[in-house]
Amino acid sequence: MTAPSLRPLSTTTWAWVHDRIAWGFSNCGLIASDGEALLVDTQFTLAETQDLLDAIADSVPGARITTVVNSHQNGDHTWGNQLVSGAQFITSTASGVNLCQEMTPGQLTALSRSALSTPVAAYAAEHFGSFDFSGITVQGPTRTFSGRLELKVGQMVVELIDLGPGHSHGDVAVHVPEDGVVFAGDALFNGAHMVVWSDSLRACISACDTLLGTGAAVFVPGHGKITDRGGVTAIRDLLARVFDTAAGLAAAGVPLREAARRVSAQHAGQLAHPERLFTAVAAAYKDVGVPGIPAGTLPLVEGMADLAQV
């Protein structure tokens, strides 16, 4: 297992990459020009975010981070925001309103370290129990946008793309046209199945097409290894196959949990966290109009925890 590192993609872009596909280990991005810098996302904990900031200070001395773009509001992309003092924090309007409807750092700590013998508590303990969320004050956005927003970082033009609902209810990608680089946030998971917190698997597929439509050659996913256009196409095509299978099961009247089991058996492959397919199937069922499908963090985690036990 390798430690995260700040990897140069060009003379003006870097990726902070874990190459880990476990929950909570997210990638970040940096664009720096003429002493200004834009940071794409922070980390899950203050200690991990400080490691990121120290690496930036060592590798890009003199670059002052004036803007943080949060690709969405999940804690593993935002809970280190407070350490970037004086910056403006930008996300999409939908992301700012929804705030991912997730637990606070204190609530997640309590759940992952509780003595409860429920599948959800066991799942939280397995995946989040080792993280230290102490000292975190959640820093939300100070600016939001819809559609597209162009910024300048020094002499570099940066385009923010509101991808709409997909992984979350308002994902944002950061495109650096001159360098052919896109920081995709959790619109892309590489090496693991996607978590779909929103109500639409169709939107996740559409987001991949939007990313490809930038013409970029290098894509930094929210989790996993940096990839190329072929990698994005493969992720999109898997999501499409999952959708088609789930839609067929919905049309046949198969209950959600049984459908998730069948989809997992067919599409889990070698990717990590096949239990996350529960969230994809739930989103596909919503797409095709099946009533009574669970929404919100806890019901979806319950579904993942149950599927992980199969």
Protein backbone atom coordinates (compact mmCIF):
# COMPACT_ATOMS: atom_id res chain seq x y z
CA MET A 1 0.00 0.00 0.00
CA THR A 2 1.53 3.28 -1.09
CA ALA A 3 1.24 6.61 0.69
CA PRO A 4 -0.63 9.39 -1.11
CA SER A 5 1.50 11.67 -3.24
CA LEU A 6 1.26 14.91 -5.18
CA ARG A 7 1.80 13.93 -8.80
CA PRO A 8 2.52 16.49 -11.53
CA LEU A 9 0.24 16.26 -14.56
CA SER A 10 1.66 19.35 -16.28
CA THR A 11 3.62 22.44 -15.28
CA THR A 12 0.44 23.89 -13.74
CA THR A 13 -1.64 20.90 -12.56
CA TRP A 14 -1.08 18.26 -9.90
CA ALA A 15 -3.14 15.39 -8.49
CA TRP A 16 -3.07 14.22 -4.89
CA VAL A 17 -3.67 10.51 -5.40
CA HIS A 18 -4.07 7.67 -2.93
CA ASP A 19 -4.37 4.78 -5.39
CA ARG A 20 -6.58 3.29 -2.68
CA ILE A 21 -10.15 2.21 -3.21
CA ALA A 22 -11.21 1.93 0.43
CA TRP A 23 -13.90 4.24 1.75
CA GLY A 24 -12.69 7.70 2.72
CA PHE A 25 -9.41 7.92 0.75
CA SER A 26 -10.20 10.55 -1.86
CA ASN A 27 -8.12 12.24 -4.54
CA CYS A 28 -7.64 15.99 -4.83
CA GLY A 29 -6.37 18.38 -7.49
CA LEU A 30 -4.27 21.52 -7.67
CA ILE A 31 -4.01 24.19 -10.37
CA ALA A 32 -1.30 26.80 -9.77
CA SER A 33 -0.09 29.76 -11.86
CA ASP A 34 1.68 33.02 -11.05
CA GLY A 35 1.53 32.51 -7.31
CA GLU A 36 -2.20 31.70 -7.21
CA ALA A 37 -3.65 28.25 -6.66
CA LEU A 38 -7.01 26.51 -6.82
CA LEU A 39 -7.48 23.35 -4.76
CA VAL A 40 -10.01 20.74 -5.82
CA ASP A 41 -11.38 19.17 -2.62
CA THR A 42 -9.80 18.54 0.76
CA GLN A 43 -9.52 15.33 2.76
CA PHE A 44 -11.59 13.36 5.26
CA THR A 45 -9.63 14.39 8.36
CA LEU A 46 -7.59 17.37 9.48
CA ALA A 47 -4.40 15.32 9.67
CA GLU A 48 -4.80 14.03 6.12
CA THR A 49 -5.57 17.51 4.84
CA GLN A 50 -2.48 18.88 6.56
CA ASP A 51 -0.40 16.21 4.81
CA LEU A 52 -1.85 17.42 1.51
CA LEU A 53 -1.14 21.08 2.28
CA ASP A 54 2.41 20.26 3.41
CA ALA A 55 3.05 18.43 0.14
CA ILE A 56 1.76 21.42 -1.82
CA ALA A 57 3.99 23.79 0.13
CA ASP A 58 7.02 21.57 -0.60
CA SER A 59 6.29 20.95 -4.30
CA VAL A 60 4.72 24.28 -5.30
CA PRO A 61 6.37 26.87 -3.04
CA GLY A 62 4.83 30.30 -3.10
CA ALA A 63 1.47 29.11 -4.42
CA ARG A 64 -1.28 30.67 -2.31
CA ILE A 65 -4.57 28.76 -2.34
CA THR A 66 -7.25 31.39 -2.92
CA THR A 67 -10.04 29.07 -4.06
CA VAL A 68 -11.26 25.62 -3.04
CA VAL A 69 -13.70 23.92 -5.37
CA ASN A 70 -15.58 21.15 -3.61
CA SER A 71 -16.76 18.59 -6.14
CA HIS A 72 -19.61 17.78 -3.74
CA GLN A 73 -20.24 17.99 -0.03
CA ASN A 74 -19.36 14.50 1.23
CA GLY A 75 -17.01 14.63 4.20
CA ASP A 76 -14.16 12.83 2.47
CA HIS A 77 -13.98 15.78 0.06
CA THR A 78 -14.72 18.68 2.44
CA TRP A 79 -13.96 17.98 6.09
CA GLY A 80 -10.49 19.51 5.80
CA ASN A 81 -11.78 22.81 4.40
CA GLN A 82 -11.21 24.70 7.62
CA LEU A 83 -7.44 24.41 7.20
CA VAL A 84 -7.48 26.51 4.01
CA SER A 85 -8.03 29.82 5.70
CA GLY A 86 -9.07 32.85 3.70
CA ALA A 87 -10.10 30.91 0.59
CA GLN A 88 -13.47 31.07 -1.11
CA PHE A 89 -15.24 27.72 -1.26
CA ILE A 90 -17.19 27.01 -4.45
CA THR A 91 -19.59 24.21 -5.32
CA SER A 92 -22.74 23.82 -7.38
CA THR A 93 -26.02 25.33 -6.23
CA ALA A 94 -27.57 21.87 -5.93
CA SER A 95 -24.66 20.61 -3.86
CA GLY A 96 -24.78 23.67 -1.62
CA VAL A 97 -28.48 23.24 -0.97
CA ASN A 98 -28.40 19.50 -0.44
CA LEU A 99 -25.11 19.24 1.49
CA CYS A 100 -25.23 15.48 0.76
CA GLN A 101 -27.67 14.92 3.65
CA GLU A 102 -24.96 13.09 5.53
CA MET A 103 -23.91 12.61 9.13
CA THR A 104 -21.80 15.11 11.00
CA PRO A 105 -18.25 14.12 11.99
CA GLY A 106 -19.49 13.48 15.52
CA GLN A 107 -22.37 11.30 14.38
CA LEU A 108 -20.14 9.22 12.11
CA THR A 109 -17.65 8.77 14.93
CA ALA A 110 -20.40 7.64 17.29
CA LEU A 111 -21.86 5.18 14.80
CA SER A 112 -18.54 3.67 13.72
CA ARG A 113 -17.45 3.17 17.33
CA SER A 114 -20.74 2.16 18.85
CA ALA A 115 -21.46 -1.16 20.54
CA LEU A 116 -24.55 -1.72 18.41
CA SER A 117 -24.64 -5.12 16.72
CA THR A 118 -26.59 -4.00 13.66
CA PRO A 119 -25.38 -4.49 10.08
CA VAL A 120 -25.12 -0.70 9.64
CA ALA A 121 -23.00 -0.25 12.77
CA ALA A 122 -20.75 -3.15 11.78
CA TYR A 123 -20.36 -1.73 8.27
CA ALA A 124 -19.54 1.74 9.63
CA ALA A 125 -17.03 0.31 12.09
CA GLU A 126 -15.29 -1.67 9.34
CA HIS A 127 -14.95 1.23 6.92
CA PHE A 128 -14.81 4.36 9.09
CA GLY A 129 -13.72 3.24 12.56
CA SER A 130 -10.05 4.00 11.96
CA PHE A 131 -10.55 7.65 11.01
CA ASP A 132 -10.06 10.44 13.54
CA PHE A 133 -12.66 13.15 12.94
CA SER A 134 -11.81 15.19 16.03
CA GLY A 135 -11.52 18.95 15.74
CA ILE A 136 -13.48 19.24 12.51
CA THR A 137 -15.73 22.23 11.96
CA VAL A 138 -17.66 21.71 8.75
CA GLN A 139 -16.98 24.56 6.30
CA GLY A 140 -19.68 24.88 3.66
CA PRO A 141 -19.59 26.80 0.39
CA THR A 142 -19.22 30.57 0.25
CA ARG A 143 -20.15 30.69 -3.45
CA THR A 144 -22.34 28.49 -5.63
CA PHE A 145 -23.09 28.30 -9.34
CA SER A 146 -25.24 26.47 -11.87
CA GLY A 147 -24.30 25.36 -15.36
CA ARG A 148 -20.70 26.37 -16.04
CA LEU A 149 -18.38 28.87 -14.43
CA GLU A 150 -15.06 30.10 -15.81
CA LEU A 151 -12.32 31.18 -13.42
CA LYS A 152 -8.75 32.36 -13.87
CA VAL A 153 -5.96 31.05 -11.70
CA GLY A 154 -3.04 33.27 -12.50
CA GLN A 155 -2.82 32.92 -16.29
CA MET A 156 -4.72 29.62 -16.42
CA VAL A 157 -8.36 29.37 -17.46
CA VAL A 158 -10.30 26.85 -15.39
CA GLU A 159 -13.83 25.73 -16.19
CA LEU A 160 -16.16 24.45 -13.48
CA ILE A 161 -18.87 22.12 -14.78
CA ASP A 162 -22.09 21.51 -12.87
CA LEU A 163 -22.75 17.86 -13.71
CA GLY A 164 -26.10 17.79 -11.92
CA PRO A 165 -27.25 14.80 -9.87
CA GLY A 166 -25.21 11.64 -10.11
CA HIS A 167 -23.00 10.37 -7.32
CA SER A 168 -24.43 13.20 -5.21
CA HIS A 169 -27.27 15.60 -5.88
CA GLY A 170 -24.94 18.17 -7.46
CA ASP A 171 -21.55 16.98 -8.67
CA VAL A 172 -18.90 19.40 -9.99
CA ALA A 173 -16.01 18.66 -12.34
CA VAL A 174 -13.00 20.97 -12.81
CA HIS A 175 -11.65 21.19 -16.36
CA VAL A 176 -8.28 22.69 -17.24
CA PRO A 177 -8.57 23.06 -21.04
CA GLU A 178 -4.99 24.08 -21.74
CA ASP A 179 -3.65 20.99 -19.99
CA GLY A 180 -6.35 18.55 -21.13
CA VAL A 181 -7.07 17.57 -17.52
CA VAL A 182 -10.35 17.02 -15.70
CA PHE A 183 -10.69 16.58 -11.96
CA ALA A 184 -13.92 14.58 -11.89
CA GLY A 185 -14.65 14.16 -8.20
CA ASP A 186 -16.92 11.23 -7.48
CA ALA A 187 -18.51 11.36 -10.90
CA LEU A 188 -15.78 8.76 -11.48
CA PHE A 189 -14.71 5.87 -9.26
CA ASN A 190 -11.81 3.87 -10.72
CA GLY A 191 -11.26 0.36 -9.42
CA ALA A 192 -14.37 0.28 -7.24
CA HIS A 193 -18.10 0.43 -7.76
CA MET A 194 -19.72 3.85 -7.58
CA VAL A 195 -21.89 4.98 -4.70
CA VAL A 196 -25.06 6.65 -6.00
CA TRP A 197 -26.50 8.93 -3.33
CA SER A 198 -28.77 10.77 -5.78
CA ASP A 199 -31.98 9.53 -7.35
CA SER A 200 -30.64 8.73 -10.81
CA LEU A 201 -28.28 6.19 -12.31
CA ARG A 202 -29.10 7.63 -15.73
CA ALA A 203 -27.55 10.90 -14.55
CA CYS A 204 -24.31 9.11 -13.60
CA ILE A 205 -24.09 7.76 -17.15
CA SER A 206 -24.83 11.19 -18.60
CA ALA A 207 -22.12 12.75 -16.40
CA CYS A 208 -19.53 10.42 -17.96
CA ASP A 209 -20.59 11.63 -21.41
CA THR A 210 -20.22 15.24 -20.24
CA LEU A 211 -16.71 14.50 -18.98
CA LEU A 212 -15.76 12.91 -22.29
CA GLY A 213 -17.28 15.89 -24.09
CA THR A 214 -14.60 18.17 -22.63
CA GLY A 215 -12.10 16.54 -24.97
CA ALA A 216 -9.66 16.08 -22.08
CA ALA A 217 -7.15 13.23 -22.15
CA VAL A 218 -6.43 12.87 -18.41
CA PHE A 219 -9.12 12.29 -15.79
CA VAL A 220 -8.53 12.30 -12.04
CA PRO A 221 -11.33 10.32 -10.37
CA GLY A 222 -12.57 11.00 -6.88
CA HIS A 223 -11.21 7.60 -5.86
CA GLY A 224 -8.69 5.30 -7.49
CA LYS A 225 -6.02 5.67 -10.13
CA ILE A 226 -5.80 8.45 -12.70
CA THR A 227 -7.33 7.32 -15.97
CA ASP A 228 -7.78 8.26 -19.63
CA ARG A 229 -10.67 8.50 -22.08
CA GLY A 230 -10.82 4.75 -22.47
CA GLY A 231 -11.10 4.37 -18.73
CA VAL A 232 -13.99 6.84 -18.53
CA THR A 233 -15.75 5.05 -21.38
CA ALA A 234 -15.37 1.71 -19.58
CA ILE A 235 -16.84 3.18 -16.37
CA ARG A 236 -19.75 4.66 -18.31
CA ASP A 237 -20.44 1.41 -20.13
CA LEU A 238 -20.50 -0.58 -16.90
CA LEU A 239 -22.99 1.85 -15.39
CA ALA A 240 -25.13 1.48 -18.53
CA ARG A 241 -25.08 -2.32 -18.24
CA VAL A 242 -26.07 -2.10 -14.58
CA PHE A 243 -28.91 0.24 -15.51
CA ASP A 244 -30.21 -2.04 -18.26
CA THR A 245 -30.16 -5.08 -15.98
CA ALA A 246 -31.84 -3.22 -13.11
CA ALA A 247 -34.50 -1.72 -15.40
CA GLY A 248 -35.33 -5.20 -16.69
CA LEU A 249 -35.68 -6.54 -13.17
CA ALA A 250 -37.89 -3.59 -12.23
CA ALA A 251 -40.13 -4.28 -15.24
CA ALA A 252 -40.41 -7.90 -14.08
CA GLY A 253 -41.52 -6.78 -10.61
CA VAL A 254 -38.44 -8.06 -8.78
CA PRO A 255 -38.16 -6.47 -5.31
CA LEU A 256 -35.26 -4.05 -4.85
CA ARG A 257 -33.13 -6.12 -2.50
CA GLU A 258 -33.41 -9.23 -4.65
CA ALA A 259 -32.65 -7.14 -7.72
CA ALA A 260 -29.53 -5.77 -6.03
CA ARG A 261 -28.40 -9.32 -5.25
CA ARG A 262 -28.89 -10.38 -8.87
CA VAL A 263 -27.16 -7.29 -10.27
CA SER A 264 -24.22 -7.86 -7.94
CA ALA A 265 -23.92 -11.48 -9.03
CA GLN A 266 -23.89 -10.40 -12.67
CA HIS A 267 -21.85 -7.18 -12.59
CA ALA A 268 -19.63 -7.19 -9.48
CA GLY A 269 -16.61 -8.40 -11.44
CA GLN A 270 -13.24 -7.65 -9.87
CA LEU A 271 -14.13 -4.15 -8.69
CA ALA A 272 -14.07 -3.40 -4.98
CA HIS A 273 -17.20 -2.76 -2.91
CA PRO A 274 -19.83 -4.64 -4.93
CA GLU A 275 -22.29 -3.91 -2.13
CA ARG A 276 -22.44 -0.35 -3.47
CA LEU A 277 -24.43 -1.75 -6.38
CA PHE A 278 -27.42 -1.59 -4.05
CA THR A 279 -27.34 2.19 -4.40
CA ALA A 280 -27.05 1.97 -8.19
CA VAL A 281 -30.01 -0.39 -8.43
CA ALA A 282 -32.07 1.80 -6.10
CA ALA A 283 -31.29 4.80 -8.32
CA ALA A 284 -32.21 2.86 -11.47
CA TYR A 285 -35.50 1.77 -9.87
CA LYS A 286 -36.24 5.44 -9.17
CA ASP A 287 -35.33 6.32 -12.75
CA VAL A 288 -37.97 3.94 -14.10
CA GLY A 289 -40.63 5.04 -11.63
CA VAL A 290 -40.77 2.23 -9.08
CA PRO A 291 -42.46 3.68 -5.96
CA GLY A 292 -41.29 3.34 -2.37
CA ILE A 293 -37.56 3.15 -3.07
CA PRO A 294 -35.44 4.19 -0.06
CA ALA A 295 -33.68 7.53 -0.18
CA GLY A 296 -31.22 9.23 2.12
CA THR A 297 -27.95 8.13 3.62
CA LEU A 298 -29.01 5.67 6.32
CA PRO A 299 -31.48 3.61 4.24
CA LEU A 300 -28.93 3.30 1.45
CA VAL A 301 -26.18 2.32 3.89
CA GLU A 302 -28.56 -0.28 5.34
CA GLY A 303 -29.02 -1.72 1.86
CA MET A 304 -25.26 -1.82 1.25
CA ALA A 305 -24.62 -3.42 4.64
CA ASP A 306 -27.23 -6.11 3.97
CA LEU A 307 -25.85 -6.84 0.50
CA ALA A 308 -22.31 -7.07 1.90
CA GLN A 309 -23.48 -9.94 4.10
CA VAL A 310 -24.84 -12.00 1.19
